[in-house]
Structure formats: C-alpha cells, structure tokens
Amino acid sequence: MFPEILRRELGAHGIVISDTQVDALYSHFKLLRRWNAVINLTRIIDVEEAVVFHYCESMFLAANLPSAPLRILDLGSGAGFPGIPIAVYRSDCVVSLVESHKRKSTFLREATRSLENVEVLGQRAQDTIGMFDWVVMRAVNFAEVEGFLKNLAPNVAFLGGADIPTHGFTWNTIQSPWGKNRFLWLGRST
C-alpha cells in the first residue's frame, strides 16, 4: 500500500522515483511505525496521511532544490523529515540531520544506517558548527531559529503554513500540491 500511494501521489506531480528509492522510504516508514509505538516520533501514523504529509512533501522540497551537489542541514529532524527523503531522492547531496532529543537522534542513526550521504548530529541546532548550502526544516518554530540561520547557510527551505516571518530573507513561496494551507518557502539571506 505504501509504495503504491507514494508512486501515485508523486507521479501525479511529475516526481518520478526508482524502485530502490521507494524501497528505502518504505523501510524508513516501517521502522518509524515500530519505533513510534515506544517513543513519540510523529502523530501521523495513517499510511495515506504519512505518505502525503511526511514523504511527498519532503520529496517536493527535494525536487525544488537546485540540481547541484549540496550540503544540506535538516534542522530539528525529529523522525527524519524532510532530511531522509531528501537524502534518498538526492544521493548527490550530503544531508546532516540535527536532533537534540537523544532518543530521536538514536532512531535517526538506526534509520540512516544504509544511507551513505547522511550524518546524524545529536545536538541543539544552536550548537551546530559548519557552513551548509541549505537549511531545511518543517514543524519548527521559525521565529525561534531565524536568528542563527544565517550562520549556517545562505538559503533556507521551510515546509509550513501561510504565516512565516519575512525579515532577513527574500522568499519564493510555492503552494504544496497536498493542501491549500501548506507551502514550501524557499528563502535567501538578505
């Protein structure tokens, strides 16, 4: 069911993925469901909802990033969104998952064992050192992290609602195909 829904939803919006990519995302989903019974990784566990709001939106973000090898930081990765689907879709990119919650970062390490282009940083975002091409995030309070984003990357991609602070960044907004109040915000530091 997961593979069929994923292919159908992505294909309807021009995003094509290989069988290997589908298998990797499905493996992540099965592991996520097992771990979610023990620690709260996500409230969305219905297959259709999870595919659309976790995997498809993350793949939509990945498809809208520049088509060059990038260093990407997923801020507050939680269960691995959007970072893990980005890493699966864009194997040419190096994706760092930042998660301060110890049990969630343990899950992320387990979930990314087979992904050579992913590293897990079990720390607070404010303690992250390094320069990246893009910071990506969702389900993060943008106002709380806005102050130090410029120290991490000149570009930001944010999956969220219609309300986002606009100072400090120039934004391009793309409506998500999976919800009238869901947007992909692509920002460049000003």
N, C-alpha and C. Protein backbone atom coordinates (compact mmCIF):
# COMPACT_ATOMS: atom_id res chain seq x y z
N MET A 1 0.81 -1.19 0.00
CA MET A 1 0.00 0.00 0.00
C MET A 1 0.87 1.27 0.00
N PHE A 2 1.87 1.34 0.89
CA PHE A 2 2.77 2.49 0.94
C PHE A 2 3.40 2.77 -0.42
N PRO A 3 4.05 1.75 -1.05
CA PRO A 3 4.68 2.04 -2.35
C PRO A 3 3.72 2.56 -3.41
N GLU A 4 2.53 1.99 -3.46
CA GLU A 4 1.55 2.41 -4.47
C GLU A 4 1.10 3.84 -4.24
N ILE A 5 0.81 4.18 -2.99
CA ILE A 5 0.37 5.55 -2.67
C ILE A 5 1.49 6.54 -2.99
N LEU A 6 2.71 6.20 -2.61
CA LEU A 6 3.84 7.09 -2.85
C LEU A 6 4.04 7.34 -4.34
N ARG A 7 4.07 6.29 -5.12
CA ARG A 7 4.24 6.45 -6.58
C ARG A 7 3.09 7.26 -7.19
N ARG A 8 1.87 6.96 -6.79
CA ARG A 8 0.70 7.66 -7.33
C ARG A 8 0.76 9.15 -7.01
N GLU A 9 1.00 9.49 -5.76
CA GLU A 9 0.99 10.89 -5.34
C GLU A 9 2.14 11.68 -5.97
N LEU A 10 3.32 11.11 -5.96
CA LEU A 10 4.46 11.81 -6.56
C LEU A 10 4.33 11.90 -8.07
N GLY A 11 3.92 10.82 -8.70
CA GLY A 11 3.77 10.78 -10.15
C GLY A 11 2.75 11.79 -10.65
N ALA A 12 1.70 12.02 -9.87
CA ALA A 12 0.68 12.99 -10.25
C ALA A 12 1.25 14.41 -10.32
N HIS A 13 2.40 14.62 -9.71
CA HIS A 13 3.02 15.95 -9.70
C HIS A 13 4.39 15.95 -10.35
N GLY A 14 4.63 14.94 -11.20
CA GLY A 14 5.84 14.91 -12.02
C GLY A 14 7.11 14.48 -11.32
N ILE A 15 6.99 13.92 -10.13
CA ILE A 15 8.18 13.45 -9.41
C ILE A 15 8.26 11.94 -9.57
N VAL A 16 9.29 11.48 -10.24
CA VAL A 16 9.46 10.05 -10.51
C VAL A 16 10.61 9.54 -9.66
N ILE A 17 10.39 8.40 -8.99
CA ILE A 17 11.45 7.80 -8.17
C ILE A 17 11.62 6.33 -8.55
N SER A 18 12.81 5.83 -8.30
CA SER A 18 13.15 4.45 -8.66
C SER A 18 12.61 3.46 -7.63
N ASP A 19 12.62 2.20 -7.99
CA ASP A 19 12.23 1.15 -7.06
C ASP A 19 13.12 1.15 -5.82
N THR A 20 14.40 1.40 -6.01
CA THR A 20 15.35 1.43 -4.89
C THR A 20 14.98 2.56 -3.93
N GLN A 21 14.61 3.71 -4.47
CA GLN A 21 14.21 4.83 -3.62
C GLN A 21 12.91 4.53 -2.89
N VAL A 22 11.96 3.92 -3.57
CA VAL A 22 10.70 3.54 -2.92
C VAL A 22 10.99 2.56 -1.78
N ASP A 23 11.84 1.57 -2.04
CA ASP A 23 12.18 0.58 -1.01
C ASP A 23 12.83 1.24 0.20
N ALA A 24 13.72 2.19 -0.03
CA ALA A 24 14.39 2.88 1.08
C ALA A 24 13.39 3.68 1.92
N LEU A 25 12.46 4.35 1.26
CA LEU A 25 11.46 5.13 2.00
C LEU A 25 10.47 4.22 2.73
N TYR A 26 10.12 3.11 2.11
CA TYR A 26 9.21 2.16 2.75
C TYR A 26 9.88 1.53 3.98
N SER A 27 11.16 1.23 3.89
CA SER A 27 11.89 0.70 5.04
C SER A 27 11.89 1.71 6.18
N HIS A 28 12.10 2.98 5.84
CA HIS A 28 12.06 4.02 6.86
C HIS A 28 10.68 4.08 7.51
N PHE A 29 9.63 4.01 6.70
CA PHE A 29 8.27 4.07 7.23
C PHE A 29 7.99 2.91 8.19
N LYS A 30 8.39 1.70 7.82
CA LYS A 30 8.15 0.54 8.68
C LYS A 30 8.91 0.68 10.01
N LEU A 31 10.14 1.16 9.94
CA LEU A 31 10.91 1.37 11.16
C LEU A 31 10.27 2.47 12.01
N LEU A 32 9.83 3.52 11.37
CA LEU A 32 9.16 4.63 12.05
C LEU A 32 7.93 4.14 12.81
N ARG A 33 7.12 3.31 12.20
CA ARG A 33 5.91 2.80 12.87
C ARG A 33 6.27 1.95 14.09
N ARG A 34 7.34 1.13 13.97
CA ARG A 34 7.75 0.31 15.12
C ARG A 34 8.25 1.19 16.27
N TRP A 35 9.11 2.13 15.96
CA TRP A 35 9.67 2.99 17.00
C TRP A 35 8.62 3.95 17.56
N ASN A 36 7.67 4.35 16.76
CA ASN A 36 6.65 5.30 17.21
C ASN A 36 5.80 4.70 18.32
N ALA A 37 5.73 3.38 18.41
CA ALA A 37 4.98 2.73 19.48
C ALA A 37 5.69 2.90 20.83
N VAL A 38 6.99 3.19 20.79
CA VAL A 38 7.78 3.32 22.01
C VAL A 38 8.07 4.78 22.35
N ILE A 39 8.49 5.55 21.34
CA ILE A 39 8.73 6.98 21.56
C ILE A 39 7.89 7.76 20.54
N ASN A 40 7.46 8.93 20.95
CA ASN A 40 6.60 9.73 20.08
C ASN A 40 7.44 10.43 19.02
N LEU A 41 7.45 9.86 17.82
CA LEU A 41 8.17 10.46 16.69
C LEU A 41 7.24 11.29 15.83
N THR A 42 6.01 10.85 15.68
CA THR A 42 5.03 11.57 14.85
C THR A 42 3.62 11.22 15.31
N ARG A 43 2.72 12.16 15.14
CA ARG A 43 1.31 11.87 15.45
C ARG A 43 0.60 11.28 14.24
N ILE A 44 1.17 11.44 13.06
CA ILE A 44 0.56 10.92 11.83
C ILE A 44 1.07 9.51 11.59
N ILE A 45 0.19 8.54 11.73
CA ILE A 45 0.59 7.15 11.51
C ILE A 45 -0.26 6.46 10.45
N ASP A 46 -1.38 7.08 10.05
CA ASP A 46 -2.18 6.55 8.95
C ASP A 46 -1.32 6.53 7.69
N VAL A 47 -1.33 5.43 6.96
CA VAL A 47 -0.43 5.26 5.82
C VAL A 47 -0.61 6.38 4.80
N GLU A 48 -1.83 6.64 4.38
CA GLU A 48 -2.07 7.66 3.35
C GLU A 48 -1.60 9.04 3.82
N GLU A 49 -1.97 9.41 5.04
CA GLU A 49 -1.55 10.71 5.57
C GLU A 49 -0.03 10.80 5.70
N ALA A 50 0.59 9.74 6.20
CA ALA A 50 2.05 9.73 6.36
C ALA A 50 2.74 9.88 5.02
N VAL A 51 2.27 9.16 4.02
CA VAL A 51 2.88 9.26 2.69
C VAL A 51 2.79 10.69 2.17
N VAL A 52 1.61 11.27 2.27
CA VAL A 52 1.39 12.62 1.72
C VAL A 52 2.15 13.68 2.51
N PHE A 53 1.93 13.73 3.83
CA PHE A 53 2.46 14.85 4.61
C PHE A 53 3.91 14.68 5.05
N HIS A 54 4.39 13.45 5.15
CA HIS A 54 5.79 13.26 5.52
C HIS A 54 6.66 13.07 4.28
N TYR A 55 6.34 12.08 3.49
CA TYR A 55 7.23 11.69 2.39
C TYR A 55 7.05 12.55 1.15
N CYS A 56 5.82 12.74 0.69
CA CYS A 56 5.61 13.51 -0.54
C CYS A 56 6.03 14.96 -0.39
N GLU A 57 5.65 15.59 0.71
CA GLU A 57 6.06 16.99 0.90
C GLU A 57 7.58 17.12 0.98
N SER A 58 8.23 16.16 1.63
CA SER A 58 9.69 16.18 1.71
C SER A 58 10.32 16.00 0.34
N MET A 59 9.75 15.10 -0.47
CA MET A 59 10.25 14.87 -1.83
C MET A 59 9.98 16.10 -2.70
N PHE A 60 8.87 16.76 -2.49
CA PHE A 60 8.54 18.00 -3.19
C PHE A 60 9.59 19.07 -2.90
N LEU A 61 9.99 19.17 -1.63
CA LEU A 61 11.05 20.10 -1.27
C LEU A 61 12.34 19.72 -2.00
N ALA A 62 12.71 18.44 -1.96
CA ALA A 62 13.93 17.96 -2.62
C ALA A 62 13.92 18.29 -4.11
N ALA A 63 12.78 18.12 -4.75
CA ALA A 63 12.67 18.37 -6.19
C ALA A 63 12.79 19.85 -6.52
N ASN A 64 12.60 20.72 -5.53
CA ASN A 64 12.68 22.16 -5.77
C ASN A 64 14.01 22.78 -5.34
N LEU A 65 14.95 21.95 -4.91
CA LEU A 65 16.29 22.45 -4.60
C LEU A 65 17.11 22.51 -5.89
N PRO A 66 18.13 23.36 -5.93
CA PRO A 66 18.98 23.43 -7.13
C PRO A 66 19.58 22.05 -7.46
N SER A 67 19.74 21.78 -8.73
CA SER A 67 20.21 20.46 -9.19
C SER A 67 21.74 20.40 -9.25
N ALA A 68 22.36 20.62 -8.12
CA ALA A 68 23.81 20.51 -7.98
C ALA A 68 24.09 19.82 -6.66
N PRO A 69 25.24 19.20 -6.49
CA PRO A 69 25.58 18.62 -5.19
C PRO A 69 25.53 19.69 -4.11
N LEU A 70 24.83 19.42 -3.05
CA LEU A 70 24.63 20.41 -1.98
C LEU A 70 24.95 19.80 -0.62
N ARG A 71 25.33 20.66 0.32
CA ARG A 71 25.43 20.29 1.73
C ARG A 71 24.17 20.84 2.39
N ILE A 72 23.35 19.94 2.93
CA ILE A 72 22.04 20.30 3.47
C ILE A 72 21.99 19.97 4.95
N LEU A 73 21.44 20.88 5.73
CA LEU A 73 21.23 20.67 7.16
C LEU A 73 19.74 20.61 7.43
N ASP A 74 19.26 19.49 7.95
CA ASP A 74 17.86 19.34 8.35
C ASP A 74 17.79 19.70 9.82
N LEU A 75 17.19 20.84 10.11
CA LEU A 75 17.14 21.40 11.45
C LEU A 75 15.93 20.85 12.21
N GLY A 76 16.17 20.20 13.35
CA GLY A 76 15.08 19.61 14.14
C GLY A 76 14.46 18.45 13.39
N SER A 77 15.28 17.51 12.99
CA SER A 77 14.87 16.44 12.08
C SER A 77 13.78 15.53 12.63
N GLY A 78 13.72 15.34 13.93
CA GLY A 78 12.67 14.51 14.54
C GLY A 78 12.69 13.09 14.04
N ALA A 79 11.70 12.72 13.25
CA ALA A 79 11.60 11.38 12.69
C ALA A 79 12.33 11.26 11.35
N GLY A 80 12.99 12.34 10.94
CA GLY A 80 13.78 12.30 9.70
C GLY A 80 13.18 13.07 8.55
N PHE A 81 12.27 13.99 8.85
CA PHE A 81 11.62 14.76 7.79
C PHE A 81 12.01 16.22 7.88
N PRO A 82 12.37 16.80 6.79
CA PRO A 82 12.39 16.29 5.42
C PRO A 82 13.70 15.62 5.01
N GLY A 83 14.69 15.55 5.91
CA GLY A 83 16.04 15.14 5.57
C GLY A 83 16.21 13.77 4.95
N ILE A 84 15.57 12.75 5.52
CA ILE A 84 15.76 11.39 4.99
C ILE A 84 15.20 11.26 3.57
N PRO A 85 13.97 11.69 3.31
CA PRO A 85 13.51 11.63 1.91
C PRO A 85 14.37 12.46 0.95
N ILE A 86 14.89 13.58 1.42
CA ILE A 86 15.78 14.38 0.56
C ILE A 86 17.03 13.56 0.23
N ALA A 87 17.61 12.93 1.24
CA ALA A 87 18.83 12.13 1.03
C ALA A 87 18.58 10.95 0.10
N VAL A 88 17.40 10.36 0.18
CA VAL A 88 17.06 9.24 -0.70
C VAL A 88 16.88 9.74 -2.13
N TYR A 89 16.19 10.85 -2.30
CA TYR A 89 15.91 11.39 -3.63
C TYR A 89 17.15 12.02 -4.26
N ARG A 90 17.97 12.66 -3.44
CA ARG A 90 19.14 13.41 -3.92
C ARG A 90 20.41 12.78 -3.37
N SER A 91 20.82 11.65 -3.92
CA SER A 91 22.02 10.97 -3.44
C SER A 91 23.29 11.76 -3.72
N ASP A 92 23.18 12.81 -4.55
CA ASP A 92 24.34 13.67 -4.83
C ASP A 92 24.58 14.69 -3.72
N CYS A 93 23.67 14.77 -2.77
CA CYS A 93 23.77 15.73 -1.67
C CYS A 93 24.19 15.04 -0.38
N VAL A 94 24.88 15.79 0.48
CA VAL A 94 25.21 15.33 1.83
C VAL A 94 24.21 15.98 2.77
N VAL A 95 23.50 15.16 3.55
CA VAL A 95 22.45 15.67 4.42
C VAL A 95 22.83 15.41 5.87
N SER A 96 22.85 16.47 6.67
CA SER A 96 23.11 16.36 8.10
C SER A 96 21.79 16.56 8.84
N LEU A 97 21.44 15.59 9.67
CA LEU A 97 20.20 15.64 10.45
C LEU A 97 20.54 16.11 11.86
N VAL A 98 20.00 17.24 12.27
CA VAL A 98 20.24 17.77 13.61
C VAL A 98 19.01 17.49 14.47
N GLU A 99 19.24 16.78 15.58
CA GLU A 99 18.15 16.47 16.51
C GLU A 99 18.72 16.42 17.92
N SER A 100 18.22 17.29 18.79
CA SER A 100 18.75 17.37 20.16
C SER A 100 18.17 16.31 21.08
N HIS A 101 16.99 15.81 20.78
CA HIS A 101 16.35 14.78 21.61
C HIS A 101 17.11 13.47 21.43
N LYS A 102 17.67 12.95 22.52
CA LYS A 102 18.57 11.80 22.45
C LYS A 102 17.92 10.56 21.83
N ARG A 103 16.69 10.25 22.23
CA ARG A 103 16.05 9.04 21.69
C ARG A 103 15.70 9.21 20.21
N LYS A 104 15.33 10.41 19.82
CA LYS A 104 15.05 10.65 18.40
C LYS A 104 16.33 10.57 17.57
N SER A 105 17.42 11.09 18.10
CA SER A 105 18.68 11.01 17.35
C SER A 105 19.16 9.55 17.27
N THR A 106 18.85 8.74 18.28
CA THR A 106 19.16 7.31 18.22
C THR A 106 18.35 6.65 17.11
N PHE A 107 17.06 7.00 17.02
CA PHE A 107 16.23 6.49 15.93
C PHE A 107 16.81 6.89 14.58
N LEU A 108 17.21 8.14 14.44
CA LEU A 108 17.76 8.62 13.18
C LEU A 108 19.02 7.85 12.77
N ARG A 109 19.86 7.55 13.73
CA ARG A 109 21.06 6.76 13.42
C ARG A 109 20.68 5.37 12.90
N GLU A 110 19.71 4.77 13.54
CA GLU A 110 19.25 3.45 13.10
C GLU A 110 18.60 3.54 11.71
N ALA A 111 17.81 4.57 11.50
CA ALA A 111 17.08 4.72 10.24
C ALA A 111 17.98 5.05 9.05
N THR A 112 19.17 5.57 9.31
CA THR A 112 20.03 6.01 8.21
C THR A 112 21.28 5.14 8.03
N ARG A 113 21.31 3.99 8.65
CA ARG A 113 22.48 3.11 8.54
C ARG A 113 22.87 2.82 7.09
N SER A 114 21.90 2.67 6.23
CA SER A 114 22.18 2.30 4.83
C SER A 114 22.31 3.52 3.91
N LEU A 115 22.20 4.71 4.46
CA LEU A 115 22.29 5.93 3.65
C LEU A 115 23.68 6.56 3.84
N GLU A 116 24.53 6.38 2.85
CA GLU A 116 25.91 6.85 2.96
C GLU A 116 26.05 8.36 2.93
N ASN A 117 25.04 9.06 2.45
CA ASN A 117 25.12 10.52 2.33
C ASN A 117 24.44 11.25 3.49
N VAL A 118 24.26 10.54 4.62
CA VAL A 118 23.59 11.15 5.78
C VAL A 118 24.48 11.03 7.01
N GLU A 119 24.50 12.12 7.79
CA GLU A 119 25.11 12.08 9.12
C GLU A 119 24.08 12.61 10.12
N VAL A 120 24.13 12.06 11.33
CA VAL A 120 23.21 12.48 12.39
C VAL A 120 24.01 13.25 13.43
N LEU A 121 23.55 14.44 13.75
CA LEU A 121 24.17 15.28 14.77
C LEU A 121 23.21 15.37 15.95
N GLY A 122 23.51 14.66 17.02
CA GLY A 122 22.66 14.66 18.21
C GLY A 122 22.97 15.86 19.08
N GLN A 123 22.50 17.01 18.69
CA GLN A 123 22.80 18.26 19.41
C GLN A 123 21.73 19.30 19.10
N ARG A 124 21.82 20.41 19.83
CA ARG A 124 20.91 21.52 19.56
C ARG A 124 21.35 22.24 18.29
N ALA A 125 20.41 22.77 17.58
CA ALA A 125 20.71 23.48 16.34
C ALA A 125 21.66 24.64 16.60
N GLN A 126 21.50 25.34 17.71
CA GLN A 126 22.34 26.48 18.04
C GLN A 126 23.81 26.08 18.23
N ASP A 127 24.06 24.81 18.53
CA ASP A 127 25.43 24.33 18.74
C ASP A 127 26.06 23.78 17.47
N THR A 128 25.34 23.81 16.38
CA THR A 128 25.85 23.28 15.12
C THR A 128 26.88 24.22 14.52
N ILE A 129 28.00 23.64 14.13
CA ILE A 129 29.08 24.40 13.54
C ILE A 129 29.27 23.91 12.10
N GLY A 130 29.53 24.82 11.22
CA GLY A 130 29.76 24.45 9.83
C GLY A 130 28.94 25.33 8.92
N MET A 131 29.28 25.29 7.66
CA MET A 131 28.54 26.06 6.67
C MET A 131 27.92 25.10 5.68
N PHE A 132 26.66 25.30 5.42
CA PHE A 132 25.88 24.45 4.53
C PHE A 132 25.36 25.30 3.39
N ASP A 133 24.94 24.65 2.33
CA ASP A 133 24.31 25.38 1.22
C ASP A 133 22.86 25.72 1.54
N TRP A 134 22.18 24.78 2.22
CA TRP A 134 20.76 24.94 2.54
C TRP A 134 20.48 24.43 3.95
N VAL A 135 19.60 25.12 4.65
CA VAL A 135 18.98 24.60 5.87
C VAL A 135 17.54 24.28 5.48
N VAL A 136 17.10 23.06 5.79
CA VAL A 136 15.72 22.67 5.52
C VAL A 136 15.05 22.34 6.84
N MET A 137 13.74 22.55 6.90
CA MET A 137 13.01 22.27 8.15
C MET A 137 11.52 22.24 7.93
N ARG A 138 10.87 21.62 8.89
CA ARG A 138 9.41 21.65 8.98
C ARG A 138 9.07 21.40 10.44
N ALA A 139 7.90 21.77 10.83
CA ALA A 139 7.45 21.61 12.21
C ALA A 139 8.43 22.23 13.20
N VAL A 140 9.04 23.34 12.79
CA VAL A 140 9.96 24.09 13.64
C VAL A 140 9.41 25.50 13.75
N ASN A 141 9.47 26.07 14.95
CA ASN A 141 9.05 27.45 15.11
C ASN A 141 10.11 28.35 14.47
N PHE A 142 9.79 28.89 13.31
CA PHE A 142 10.76 29.65 12.53
C PHE A 142 11.30 30.84 13.31
N ALA A 143 10.46 31.52 14.07
CA ALA A 143 10.89 32.69 14.82
C ALA A 143 11.99 32.34 15.83
N GLU A 144 11.97 31.14 16.37
CA GLU A 144 12.97 30.72 17.36
C GLU A 144 14.33 30.44 16.74
N VAL A 145 14.39 30.08 15.48
CA VAL A 145 15.66 29.71 14.85
C VAL A 145 16.16 30.75 13.85
N GLU A 146 15.33 31.70 13.52
CA GLU A 146 15.67 32.67 12.50
C GLU A 146 16.98 33.40 12.78
N GLY A 147 17.24 33.70 14.04
CA GLY A 147 18.42 34.49 14.41
C GLY A 147 19.75 33.85 14.07
N PHE A 148 19.85 32.54 14.07
CA PHE A 148 21.14 31.92 13.79
C PHE A 148 21.19 31.18 12.46
N LEU A 149 20.13 31.21 11.67
CA LEU A 149 20.13 30.52 10.38
C LEU A 149 21.21 31.03 9.44
N LYS A 150 21.42 32.34 9.43
CA LYS A 150 22.41 32.94 8.52
C LYS A 150 23.82 32.46 8.83
N ASN A 151 24.05 32.00 10.06
CA ASN A 151 25.36 31.47 10.43
C ASN A 151 25.57 30.06 9.88
N LEU A 152 24.49 29.42 9.44
CA LEU A 152 24.57 28.04 8.96
C LEU A 152 24.52 27.92 7.44
N ALA A 153 23.71 28.77 6.80
CA ALA A 153 23.55 28.66 5.34
C ALA A 153 22.94 29.94 4.79
N PRO A 154 23.23 30.26 3.54
CA PRO A 154 22.62 31.43 2.93
C PRO A 154 21.20 31.17 2.42
N ASN A 155 20.81 29.88 2.35
CA ASN A 155 19.50 29.51 1.81
C ASN A 155 18.73 28.67 2.80
N VAL A 156 17.40 28.87 2.83
CA VAL A 156 16.52 28.16 3.74
C VAL A 156 15.31 27.63 2.98
N ALA A 157 14.93 26.38 3.27
CA ALA A 157 13.69 25.83 2.73
C ALA A 157 12.85 25.39 3.91
N PHE A 158 11.61 25.86 3.97
CA PHE A 158 10.74 25.62 5.11
C PHE A 158 9.39 25.12 4.62
N LEU A 159 8.96 23.97 5.12
CA LEU A 159 7.63 23.45 4.82
C LEU A 159 6.71 23.88 5.95
N GLY A 160 5.66 24.61 5.62
CA GLY A 160 4.78 25.07 6.68
C GLY A 160 3.54 25.75 6.15
N GLY A 161 2.92 26.51 7.02
CA GLY A 161 1.69 27.21 6.69
C GLY A 161 1.95 28.54 6.01
N ALA A 162 0.91 29.37 6.00
CA ALA A 162 0.98 30.64 5.28
C ALA A 162 1.71 31.73 6.05
N ASP A 163 1.88 31.57 7.35
CA ASP A 163 2.49 32.62 8.16
C ASP A 163 3.95 32.30 8.46
N ILE A 164 4.85 33.12 7.97
CA ILE A 164 6.27 32.96 8.24
C ILE A 164 6.89 34.36 8.28
N PRO A 165 7.80 34.61 9.23
CA PRO A 165 8.44 35.93 9.25
C PRO A 165 9.20 36.16 7.94
N THR A 166 9.17 37.38 7.45
CA THR A 166 9.81 37.65 6.17
C THR A 166 11.06 38.49 6.27
N HIS A 167 11.35 39.06 7.43
CA HIS A 167 12.55 39.90 7.50
C HIS A 167 13.80 39.03 7.57
N GLY A 168 14.87 39.53 6.93
CA GLY A 168 16.13 38.81 6.93
C GLY A 168 16.30 37.85 5.75
N PHE A 169 15.20 37.56 5.04
CA PHE A 169 15.24 36.64 3.91
C PHE A 169 14.34 37.15 2.80
N THR A 170 14.73 36.85 1.56
CA THR A 170 13.87 37.08 0.41
C THR A 170 13.25 35.74 0.08
N TRP A 171 11.92 35.68 -0.02
CA TRP A 171 11.21 34.40 -0.13
C TRP A 171 10.57 34.17 -1.48
N ASN A 172 10.61 32.93 -1.91
CA ASN A 172 9.83 32.44 -3.03
C ASN A 172 8.89 31.39 -2.42
N THR A 173 7.62 31.55 -2.61
CA THR A 173 6.65 30.65 -1.99
C THR A 173 5.97 29.79 -3.05
N ILE A 174 5.93 28.49 -2.80
CA ILE A 174 5.28 27.54 -3.71
C ILE A 174 4.22 26.78 -2.92
N GLN A 175 3.01 26.77 -3.43
CA GLN A 175 1.95 26.03 -2.74
C GLN A 175 2.19 24.53 -2.89
N SER A 176 2.05 23.82 -1.78
CA SER A 176 2.17 22.37 -1.81
C SER A 176 0.99 21.79 -2.56
N PRO A 177 1.21 20.76 -3.37
CA PRO A 177 0.09 20.12 -4.06
C PRO A 177 -0.83 19.36 -3.10
N TRP A 178 -0.41 19.22 -1.83
CA TRP A 178 -1.15 18.39 -0.87
C TRP A 178 -1.76 19.19 0.26
N GLY A 179 -2.36 20.31 -0.04
CA GLY A 179 -3.07 21.05 0.99
C GLY A 179 -3.11 22.53 0.67
N LYS A 180 -4.28 23.13 0.79
CA LYS A 180 -4.40 24.55 0.42
C LYS A 180 -3.69 25.48 1.39
N ASN A 181 -3.42 25.02 2.61
CA ASN A 181 -2.71 25.84 3.58
C ASN A 181 -1.30 25.33 3.84
N ARG A 182 -0.72 24.60 2.90
CA ARG A 182 0.63 24.05 3.00
C ARG A 182 1.50 24.70 1.93
N PHE A 183 2.67 25.18 2.35
CA PHE A 183 3.54 25.90 1.44
C PHE A 183 4.99 25.45 1.60
N LEU A 184 5.74 25.58 0.53
CA LEU A 184 7.19 25.45 0.55
C LEU A 184 7.73 26.85 0.41
N TRP A 185 8.47 27.28 1.44
CA TRP A 185 9.09 28.59 1.44
C TRP A 185 10.58 28.39 1.12
N LEU A 186 11.05 29.01 0.06
CA LEU A 186 12.46 28.97 -0.31
C LEU A 186 13.03 30.37 -0.09
N GLY A 187 13.97 30.49 0.85
CA GLY A 187 14.47 31.80 1.22
C GLY A 187 15.95 31.97 1.00
N ARG A 188 16.33 33.18 0.68
CA ARG A 188 17.74 33.55 0.52
C ARG A 188 18.02 34.69 1.48
N SER A 189 19.12 34.56 2.20
CA SER A 189 19.52 35.58 3.17
C SER A 189 19.72 36.92 2.48
N THR A 190 19.25 38.00 3.12
CA THR A 190 19.43 39.34 2.54
C THR A 190 20.52 40.08 3.28
